[in-house]
Protein backbone atom coordinates (compact mmCIF):
# COMPACT_ATOMS: atom_id res chain seq x y z
CA MET A 1 33.20 31.54 -31.49
CA ARG A 2 34.04 30.40 -34.97
CA LEU A 3 37.36 28.69 -34.36
CA THR A 4 37.91 24.97 -34.09
CA ASN A 5 39.50 23.54 -30.95
CA ARG A 6 42.62 22.86 -33.01
CA GLN A 7 42.76 26.49 -34.18
CA LYS A 8 42.29 27.82 -30.62
CA THR A 9 45.01 25.55 -29.27
CA THR A 10 47.40 26.45 -32.09
CA ILE A 11 46.83 30.18 -31.57
CA GLN A 12 47.25 29.93 -27.78
CA GLN A 13 50.41 27.83 -27.93
CA THR A 14 52.02 29.91 -30.67
CA LEU A 15 51.32 33.32 -29.14
CA LYS A 16 52.37 32.26 -25.66
CA ARG A 17 55.59 30.77 -27.03
CA TYR A 18 56.58 34.05 -28.69
CA PHE A 19 55.03 36.63 -26.32
CA GLY A 20 55.31 34.82 -22.96
CA GLU A 21 53.16 32.41 -20.98
CA ALA A 22 51.56 35.22 -18.94
CA SER A 23 50.28 37.00 -22.07
CA HIS A 24 46.54 37.75 -22.22
CA ILE A 25 44.96 36.72 -25.57
CA LEU A 26 41.49 37.57 -26.90
CA LEU A 27 39.63 36.74 -30.10
CA PHE A 28 37.55 39.71 -31.27
CA GLY A 29 35.73 40.82 -34.39
CA SER A 30 33.49 38.79 -36.67
CA ARG A 31 34.86 35.39 -35.56
CA THR A 32 33.19 35.89 -32.16
CA ASP A 33 29.76 35.83 -33.86
CA ASP A 34 28.55 32.25 -34.37
CA GLY A 35 25.92 33.45 -36.84
CA ALA A 36 28.35 35.24 -39.17
CA LEU A 37 30.25 33.80 -42.11
CA GLY A 38 33.85 34.24 -43.20
CA GLY A 39 36.03 36.96 -41.77
CA ASP A 40 39.61 37.22 -40.72
CA ILE A 41 40.97 36.09 -37.37
CA ASP A 42 41.32 39.19 -35.18
CA LEU A 43 43.53 38.64 -32.15
CA TYR A 44 44.33 41.01 -29.29
CA ILE A 45 47.28 40.37 -27.00
CA GLU A 46 48.69 42.00 -23.90
CA PRO A 47 52.17 40.49 -24.04
CA GLU A 48 54.43 39.53 -21.20
CA LEU A 49 57.26 41.03 -23.28
CA ASP A 50 57.95 44.75 -23.14
CA ASP A 51 60.92 45.56 -25.39
CA PRO A 52 59.66 47.05 -28.72
CA ASP A 53 62.31 45.31 -30.85
CA THR A 54 61.57 41.96 -29.25
CA LEU A 55 57.84 42.52 -29.80
CA VAL A 56 58.35 43.17 -33.52
CA ASP A 57 60.35 39.95 -33.88
CA ALA A 58 57.75 38.03 -31.85
CA LYS A 59 54.90 39.35 -34.00
CA LEU A 60 56.60 38.45 -37.29
CA ASN A 61 57.60 34.98 -36.10
CA ALA A 62 54.21 34.24 -34.53
CA LEU A 63 52.29 35.31 -37.63
CA ALA A 64 54.57 33.26 -39.89
CA GLU A 65 54.03 30.19 -37.72
CA LEU A 66 50.26 30.73 -37.51
CA HIS A 67 50.01 31.03 -41.30
CA ALA A 68 52.04 27.85 -41.71
CA LYS A 69 49.86 25.93 -39.26
CA LEU A 70 46.42 27.41 -39.98
CA GLY A 71 46.72 27.87 -43.72
CA ASP A 72 46.17 30.88 -45.91
CA GLN A 73 43.90 33.04 -43.73
CA LYS A 74 43.98 36.71 -42.91
CA ILE A 75 45.15 37.10 -39.32
CA ASP A 76 45.28 40.48 -37.59
CA LEU A 77 47.27 40.74 -34.38
CA VAL A 78 46.72 43.82 -32.21
CA ILE A 79 49.37 44.22 -29.52
CA HIS A 80 48.86 46.43 -26.48
CA ARG A 81 51.69 46.92 -24.03
CA THR A 82 49.89 47.67 -20.78
CA GLN A 83 52.20 50.59 -19.93
CA THR A 84 51.28 52.45 -23.14
CA PRO A 85 48.12 54.50 -23.74
CA GLU A 86 44.99 52.53 -24.58
CA LEU A 87 43.63 53.20 -28.07
CA ALA A 88 40.06 52.78 -29.34
CA ILE A 89 40.94 49.43 -30.96
CA HIS A 90 42.26 48.16 -27.61
CA ARG A 91 39.08 49.20 -25.78
CA SER A 92 36.89 47.65 -28.49
CA ALA A 93 38.81 44.35 -28.48
CA LYS A 94 38.69 44.12 -24.68
CA ALA A 95 34.99 44.96 -24.56
CA SER A 96 33.90 42.41 -27.17
CA GLY A 97 36.72 39.88 -27.10
CA ILE A 98 36.57 36.26 -25.98
CA PRO A 99 39.57 34.95 -24.00
CA LEU A 100 41.54 32.14 -25.62
């Protein structure tokens, strides 16, 4: 996994603050490959929250805080509410993701 301990902690604390402590968070994509270089930070979350409007606010606020704390990096946040249909991106993230 190509995240520092500080980055992992920042991501965990920030996402759980906005999406709920019981949220399930995974890192997926190129940052899971220790042999790769570069790449954005791809995050998958199954939030504790359910309300769509609240989720939009949580996503915007969490991404703003992550950018402020982690610097100018591309961060993708894929949200899957467990009661909605699972898409290919959700299956892929869950299959290859590393829990944070």
